[in-house]
Amino acid sequence: LFARDYLHLSDLAVLIRGIAPDVRGIVFDYG
């Protein structure tokens, strides 16, 4: 809660966690 980017990074994690379990195959993390 003391992190300045707490809200933004929390919400970003919610988005990725919602999609990641359905991903299969090979992932390319670009950047």
All heavy atoms as atom14 arrays in JSON, in Angstrom:
{
  "sequence": "LFARDYLHLSDLAVLIRGIAPDVRGIVFDYG",
  "atom14_mask": [
    [1, 1, 1, 1, 1, 1, 1, 1, 0, 0, 0, 0, 0, 0],
    [1, 1, 1, 1, 1, 1, 1, 1, 1, 1, 1, 0, 0, 0],
    [1, 1, 1, 1, 1, 0, 0, 0, 0, 0, 0, 0, 0, 0],
    [1, 1, 1, 1, 1, 1, 1, 1, 1, 1, 1, 0, 0, 0],
    [1, 1, 1, 1, 1, 1, 1, 1, 0, 0, 0, 0, 0, 0],
    [1, 1, 1, 1, 1, 1, 1, 1, 1, 1, 1, 1, 0, 0],
    [1, 1, 1, 1, 1, 1, 1, 1, 0, 0, 0, 0, 0, 0],
    [1, 1, 1, 1, 1, 1, 1, 1, 1, 1, 0, 0, 0, 0],
    [1, 1, 1, 1, 1, 1, 1, 1, 0, 0, 0, 0, 0, 0],
    [1, 1, 1, 1, 1, 1, 0, 0, 0, 0, 0, 0, 0, 0],
    [1, 1, 1, 1, 1, 1, 1, 1, 0, 0, 0, 0, 0, 0],
    [1, 1, 1, 1, 1, 1, 1, 1, 0, 0, 0, 0, 0, 0],
    [1, 1, 1, 1, 1, 0, 0, 0, 0, 0, 0, 0, 0, 0],
    [1, 1, 1, 1, 1, 1, 1, 0, 0, 0, 0, 0, 0, 0],
    [1, 1, 1, 1, 1, 1, 1, 1, 0, 0, 0, 0, 0, 0],
    [1, 1, 1, 1, 1, 1, 1, 1, 0, 0, 0, 0, 0, 0],
    [1, 1, 1, 1, 1, 1, 1, 1, 1, 1, 1, 0, 0, 0],
    [1, 1, 1, 1, 0, 0, 0, 0, 0, 0, 0, 0, 0, 0],
    [1, 1, 1, 1, 1, 1, 1, 1, 0, 0, 0, 0, 0, 0],
    [1, 1, 1, 1, 1, 0, 0, 0, 0, 0, 0, 0, 0, 0],
    [1, 1, 1, 1, 1, 1, 1, 0, 0, 0, 0, 0, 0, 0],
    [1, 1, 1, 1, 1, 1, 1, 1, 0, 0, 0, 0, 0, 0],
    [1, 1, 1, 1, 1, 1, 1, 0, 0, 0, 0, 0, 0, 0],
    [1, 1, 1, 1, 1, 1, 1, 1, 1, 1, 1, 0, 0, 0],
    [1, 1, 1, 1, 0, 0, 0, 0, 0, 0, 0, 0, 0, 0],
    [1, 1, 1, 1, 1, 1, 1, 1, 0, 0, 0, 0, 0, 0],
    [1, 1, 1, 1, 1, 1, 1, 0, 0, 0, 0, 0, 0, 0],
    [1, 1, 1, 1, 1, 1, 1, 1, 1, 1, 1, 0, 0, 0],
    [1, 1, 1, 1, 1, 1, 1, 1, 0, 0, 0, 0, 0, 0],
    [1, 1, 1, 1, 1, 1, 1, 1, 1, 1, 1, 1, 0, 0],
    [1, 1, 1, 1, 0, 0, 0, 0, 0, 0, 0, 0, 0, 0]
  ],
  "atom14_positions": [
    [[0.82, -1.22, 0.0], [0.0, 0.0, 0.0], [0.85, 1.26, 0.0], [0.38, 2.34, -0.34], [-0.92, 0.01, 1.23], [-2.09, -0.98, 1.21], [-2.74, -1.04, 2.59], [-3.11, -0.59, 0.16], [0.0, 0.0, 0.0], [0.0, 0.0, 0.0], [0.0, 0.0, 0.0], [0.0, 0.0, 0.0], [0.0, 0.0, 0.0], [0.0, 0.0, 0.0]],
    [[2.12, 1.12, 0.37], [3.03, 2.26, 0.41], [3.77, 2.47, -0.91], [4.59, 3.38, -1.03], [4.04, 2.1, 1.54], [3.45, 2.25, 2.91], [2.9, 1.17, 3.58], [3.42, 3.5, 3.54], [2.33, 1.31, 4.83], [2.86, 3.66, 4.79], [2.3, 2.56, 5.45], [0.0, 0.0, 0.0], [0.0, 0.0, 0.0], [0.0, 0.0, 0.0]],
    [[3.47, 1.64, -1.91], [4.1, 1.79, -3.23], [3.33, 2.82, -4.05], [2.1, 2.79, -4.11], [4.13, 0.46, -3.96], [0.0, 0.0, 0.0], [0.0, 0.0, 0.0], [0.0, 0.0, 0.0], [0.0, 0.0, 0.0], [0.0, 0.0, 0.0], [0.0, 0.0, 0.0], [0.0, 0.0, 0.0], [0.0, 0.0, 0.0], [0.0, 0.0, 0.0]],
    [[4.06, 3.72, -4.7], [3.4, 4.79, -5.47], [2.61, 4.26, -6.66], [1.66, 4.89, -7.1], [4.44, 5.8, -5.97], [4.75, 6.89, -4.97], [5.37, 8.09, -5.65], [6.69, 7.8, -6.17], [7.18, 8.3, -7.28], [6.43, 9.09, -8.04], [8.4, 8.03, -7.67], [0.0, 0.0, 0.0], [0.0, 0.0, 0.0], [0.0, 0.0, 0.0]],
    [[3.0, 3.12, -7.19], [2.29, 2.55, -8.34], [1.4, 1.38, -7.92], [1.07, 0.53, -8.73], [3.28, 2.11, -9.42], [4.47, 1.36, -8.86], [4.42, 0.95, -7.68], [5.45, 1.18, -9.61], [0.0, 0.0, 0.0], [0.0, 0.0, 0.0], [0.0, 0.0, 0.0], [0.0, 0.0, 0.0], [0.0, 0.0, 0.0], [0.0, 0.0, 0.0]],
    [[1.01, 1.35, -6.65], [0.19, 0.27, -6.11], [-1.08, 0.04, -6.93], [-1.38, -1.09, -7.33], [-0.17, 0.56, -4.66], [-1.24, -0.35, -4.1], [-0.93, -1.63, -3.65], [-2.57, 0.07, -4.02], [-1.91, -2.48, -3.14], [-3.56, -0.77, -3.52], [-3.23, -2.04, -3.09], [-4.21, -2.87, -2.61], [0.0, 0.0, 0.0], [0.0, 0.0, 0.0]],
    [[-1.85, 1.09, -7.2], [-3.13, 0.94, -7.87], [-2.94, 0.49, -9.32], [-3.59, -0.46, -9.78], [-3.92, 2.25, -7.83], [-4.41, 2.66, -6.43], [-4.98, 4.07, -6.46], [-5.44, 1.67, -5.91], [0.0, 0.0, 0.0], [0.0, 0.0, 0.0], [0.0, 0.0, 0.0], [0.0, 0.0, 0.0], [0.0, 0.0, 0.0], [0.0, 0.0, 0.0]],
    [[-2.07, 1.16, -10.02], [-1.85, 0.83, -11.44], [-1.34, -0.61, -11.6], [-1.86, -1.37, -12.41], [-0.87, 1.83, -12.04], [-0.27, 1.39, -13.33], [-1.03, 0.99, -14.41], [1.03, 1.25, -13.71], [-0.23, 0.64, -15.4], [1.02, 0.78, -15.0], [0.0, 0.0, 0.0], [0.0, 0.0, 0.0], [0.0, 0.0, 0.0], [0.0, 0.0, 0.0]],
    [[-0.33, -0.99, -10.82], [0.23, -2.32, -10.97], [-0.73, -3.4, -10.46], [-0.75, -4.52, -10.98], [1.58, -2.41, -10.24], [2.71, -1.6, -10.85], [4.01, -1.82, -10.08], [2.92, -1.95, -12.32], [0.0, 0.0, 0.0], [0.0, 0.0, 0.0], [0.0, 0.0, 0.0], [0.0, 0.0, 0.0], [0.0, 0.0, 0.0], [0.0, 0.0, 0.0]],
    [[-1.53, -3.08, -9.45], [-2.55, -4.03, -8.99], [-3.54, -4.33, -10.1], [-3.9, -5.48, -10.36], [-3.3, -3.47, -7.78], [-2.48, -3.35, -6.65], [0.0, 0.0, 0.0], [0.0, 0.0, 0.0], [0.0, 0.0, 0.0], [0.0, 0.0, 0.0], [0.0, 0.0, 0.0], [0.0, 0.0, 0.0], [0.0, 0.0, 0.0], [0.0, 0.0, 0.0]],
    [[-3.98, -3.29, -10.78], [-4.98, -3.45, -11.83], [-4.39, -4.16, -13.05], [-5.05, -4.98, -13.69], [-5.56, -2.09, -12.22], [-6.29, -1.43, -11.05], [-6.51, -2.12, -10.03], [-6.64, -0.25, -11.15], [0.0, 0.0, 0.0], [0.0, 0.0, 0.0], [0.0, 0.0, 0.0], [0.0, 0.0, 0.0], [0.0, 0.0, 0.0], [0.0, 0.0, 0.0]],
    [[-3.15, -3.85, -13.35], [-2.47, -4.54, -14.45], [-2.35, -6.03, -14.16], [-2.57, -6.88, -15.04], [-1.07, -3.91, -14.65], [-0.22, -4.42, -15.81], [-0.94, -4.26, -17.14], [1.11, -3.68, -15.83], [0.0, 0.0, 0.0], [0.0, 0.0, 0.0], [0.0, 0.0, 0.0], [0.0, 0.0, 0.0], [0.0, 0.0, 0.0], [0.0, 0.0, 0.0]],
    [[-2.04, -6.38, -12.91], [-1.93, -7.78, -12.52], [-3.28, -8.49, -12.62], [-3.35, -9.66, -13.01], [-1.38, -7.9, -11.1], [0.0, 0.0, 0.0], [0.0, 0.0, 0.0], [0.0, 0.0, 0.0], [0.0, 0.0, 0.0], [0.0, 0.0, 0.0], [0.0, 0.0, 0.0], [0.0, 0.0, 0.0], [0.0, 0.0, 0.0], [0.0, 0.0, 0.0]],
    [[-4.36, -7.79, -12.28], [-5.71, -8.37, -12.4], [-5.98, -8.75, -13.86], [-6.49, -9.83, -14.16], [-6.78, -7.39, -11.89], [-8.19, -7.83, -12.31], [-6.7, -7.27, -10.37], [0.0, 0.0, 0.0], [0.0, 0.0, 0.0], [0.0, 0.0, 0.0], [0.0, 0.0, 0.0], [0.0, 0.0, 0.0], [0.0, 0.0, 0.0], [0.0, 0.0, 0.0]],
    [[-5.65, -7.84, -14.78], [-5.86, -8.09, -16.2], [-5.07, -9.32, -16.67], [-5.62, -10.22, -17.31], [-5.44, -6.87, -17.02], [-5.42, -7.05, -18.54], [-6.83, -7.25, -19.08], [-4.73, -5.87, -19.22], [0.0, 0.0, 0.0], [0.0, 0.0, 0.0], [0.0, 0.0, 0.0], [0.0, 0.0, 0.0], [0.0, 0.0, 0.0], [0.0, 0.0, 0.0]],
    [[-3.78, -9.35, -16.35], [-2.92, -10.44, -16.84], [-3.3, -11.77, -16.2], [-3.35, -12.81, -16.88], [-1.44, -10.11, -16.58], [-1.05, -8.84, -17.35], [-0.54, -11.27, -17.01], [0.31, -8.31, -17.02], [0.0, 0.0, 0.0], [0.0, 0.0, 0.0], [0.0, 0.0, 0.0], [0.0, 0.0, 0.0], [0.0, 0.0, 0.0], [0.0, 0.0, 0.0]],
    [[-3.63, -11.75, -14.91], [-4.05, -12.98, -14.24], [-5.35, -13.52, -14.82], [-5.61, -14.73, -14.77], [-4.22, -12.73, -12.74], [-2.91, -12.69, -11.96], [-3.16, -12.73, -10.46], [-1.94, -12.97, -9.72], [-1.3, -12.06, -9.01], [-1.76, -10.82, -8.96], [-0.19, -12.36, -8.35], [0.0, 0.0, 0.0], [0.0, 0.0, 0.0], [0.0, 0.0, 0.0]],
    [[-6.19, -12.64, -15.35], [-7.44, -13.09, -15.93], [-7.27, -13.78, -17.27], [-8.11, -14.6, -17.67], [0.0, 0.0, 0.0], [0.0, 0.0, 0.0], [0.0, 0.0, 0.0], [0.0, 0.0, 0.0], [0.0, 0.0, 0.0], [0.0, 0.0, 0.0], [0.0, 0.0, 0.0], [0.0, 0.0, 0.0], [0.0, 0.0, 0.0], [0.0, 0.0, 0.0]],
    [[-6.18, -13.47, -17.99], [-5.96, -14.01, -19.33], [-4.93, -15.14, -19.34], [-5.06, -16.13, -20.07], [-5.53, -12.87, -20.29], [-6.72, -11.94, -20.54], [-4.97, -13.4, -21.6], [-6.39, -10.71, -21.33], [0.0, 0.0, 0.0], [0.0, 0.0, 0.0], [0.0, 0.0, 0.0], [0.0, 0.0, 0.0], [0.0, 0.0, 0.0], [0.0, 0.0, 0.0]],
    [[-3.89, -15.03, -18.5], [-2.76, -15.97, -18.54], [-3.15, -17.44, -18.41], [-2.57, -18.28, -19.13], [-1.75, -15.59, -17.45], [0.0, 0.0, 0.0], [0.0, 0.0, 0.0], [0.0, 0.0, 0.0], [0.0, 0.0, 0.0], [0.0, 0.0, 0.0], [0.0, 0.0, 0.0], [0.0, 0.0, 0.0], [0.0, 0.0, 0.0], [0.0, 0.0, 0.0]],
    [[-4.09, -17.83, -17.55], [-4.38, -19.27, -17.4], [-4.86, -19.95, -18.67], [-4.72, -21.17, -18.81], [-5.47, -19.3, -16.32], [-5.28, -18.04, -15.55], [-4.84, -17.02, -16.56], [0.0, 0.0, 0.0], [0.0, 0.0, 0.0], [0.0, 0.0, 0.0], [0.0, 0.0, 0.0], [0.0, 0.0, 0.0], [0.0, 0.0, 0.0], [0.0, 0.0, 0.0]],
    [[-5.42, -19.2, -19.61], [-5.93, -19.79, -20.85], [-4.89, -19.84, -21.97], [-5.16, -20.35, -23.05], [-7.14, -19.0, -21.35], [-8.32, -19.09, -20.38], [-8.47, -20.14, -19.73], [-9.07, -18.1, -20.26], [0.0, 0.0, 0.0], [0.0, 0.0, 0.0], [0.0, 0.0, 0.0], [0.0, 0.0, 0.0], [0.0, 0.0, 0.0], [0.0, 0.0, 0.0]],
    [[-3.7, -19.3, -21.71], [-2.66, -19.25, -22.74], [-1.91, -20.58, -22.78], [-1.55, -21.13, -21.74], [-1.68, -18.08, -22.47], [-0.55, -18.07, -23.5], [-2.42, -16.74, -22.5], [0.0, 0.0, 0.0], [0.0, 0.0, 0.0], [0.0, 0.0, 0.0], [0.0, 0.0, 0.0], [0.0, 0.0, 0.0], [0.0, 0.0, 0.0], [0.0, 0.0, 0.0]],
    [[-1.67, -21.06, -23.99], [-0.88, -22.29, -24.19], [0.18, -22.01, -25.26], [0.16, -20.98, -25.92], [-1.79, -23.43, -24.65], [-2.83, -23.86, -23.62], [-2.18, -24.49, -22.39], [-3.16, -24.96, -21.42], [-3.68, -24.21, -20.45], [-3.33, -22.93, -20.35], [-4.54, -24.71, -19.59], [0.0, 0.0, 0.0], [0.0, 0.0, 0.0], [0.0, 0.0, 0.0]],
    [[1.09, -22.96, -25.43], [2.12, -22.8, -26.45], [3.29, -21.99, -25.94], [3.65, -22.04, -24.77], [0.0, 0.0, 0.0], [0.0, 0.0, 0.0], [0.0, 0.0, 0.0], [0.0, 0.0, 0.0], [0.0, 0.0, 0.0], [0.0, 0.0, 0.0], [0.0, 0.0, 0.0], [0.0, 0.0, 0.0], [0.0, 0.0, 0.0], [0.0, 0.0, 0.0]],
    [[3.89, -21.21, -26.84], [5.11, -20.45, -26.52], [4.8, -18.96, -26.47], [4.17, -18.41, -27.39], [6.22, -20.72, -27.55], [6.47, -22.23, -27.67], [7.51, -20.0, -27.16], [7.48, -22.6, -28.75], [0.0, 0.0, 0.0], [0.0, 0.0, 0.0], [0.0, 0.0, 0.0], [0.0, 0.0, 0.0], [0.0, 0.0, 0.0], [0.0, 0.0, 0.0]],
    [[5.23, -18.32, -25.4], [4.99, -16.89, -25.16], [6.24, -16.09, -25.5], [7.35, -16.48, -25.14], [4.59, -16.65, -23.69], [4.41, -15.16, -23.41], [3.33, -17.43, -23.34], [0.0, 0.0, 0.0], [0.0, 0.0, 0.0], [0.0, 0.0, 0.0], [0.0, 0.0, 0.0], [0.0, 0.0, 0.0], [0.0, 0.0, 0.0], [0.0, 0.0, 0.0]],
    [[6.04, -14.95, -26.16], [7.13, -14.01, -26.43], [6.83, -12.72, -25.67], [5.86, -12.02, -25.97], [7.23, -13.73, -27.93], [8.46, -12.94, -28.33], [9.7, -13.55, -28.41], [8.37, -11.58, -28.64], [10.84, -12.83, -28.78], [9.49, -10.85, -29.01], [10.73, -11.49, -29.08], [0.0, 0.0, 0.0], [0.0, 0.0, 0.0], [0.0, 0.0, 0.0]],
    [[7.64, -12.42, -24.66], [7.49, -11.21, -23.86], [8.33, -10.12, -24.53], [9.56, -10.09, -24.4], [7.98, -11.47, -22.43], [7.66, -10.33, -21.47], [7.39, -9.22, -21.94], [7.69, -10.57, -20.25], [0.0, 0.0, 0.0], [0.0, 0.0, 0.0], [0.0, 0.0, 0.0], [0.0, 0.0, 0.0], [0.0, 0.0, 0.0], [0.0, 0.0, 0.0]],
    [[7.66, -9.25, -25.26], [8.31, -8.29, -26.17], [8.56, -6.96, -25.45], [7.67, -6.15, -25.28], [7.39, -8.09, -27.37], [8.04, -7.52, -28.62], [7.35, -7.53, -29.83], [9.3, -6.96, -28.6], [7.91, -7.01, -30.98], [9.88, -6.44, -29.75], [9.17, -6.46, -30.93], [9.73, -5.94, -32.08], [0.0, 0.0, 0.0], [0.0, 0.0, 0.0]],
    [[9.82, -6.76, -25.02], [10.17, -5.61, -24.2], [10.0, -5.99, -22.74], [9.34, -5.31, -21.96], [0.0, 0.0, 0.0], [0.0, 0.0, 0.0], [0.0, 0.0, 0.0], [0.0, 0.0, 0.0], [0.0, 0.0, 0.0], [0.0, 0.0, 0.0], [0.0, 0.0, 0.0], [0.0, 0.0, 0.0], [0.0, 0.0, 0.0], [0.0, 0.0, 0.0]]
  ]
}
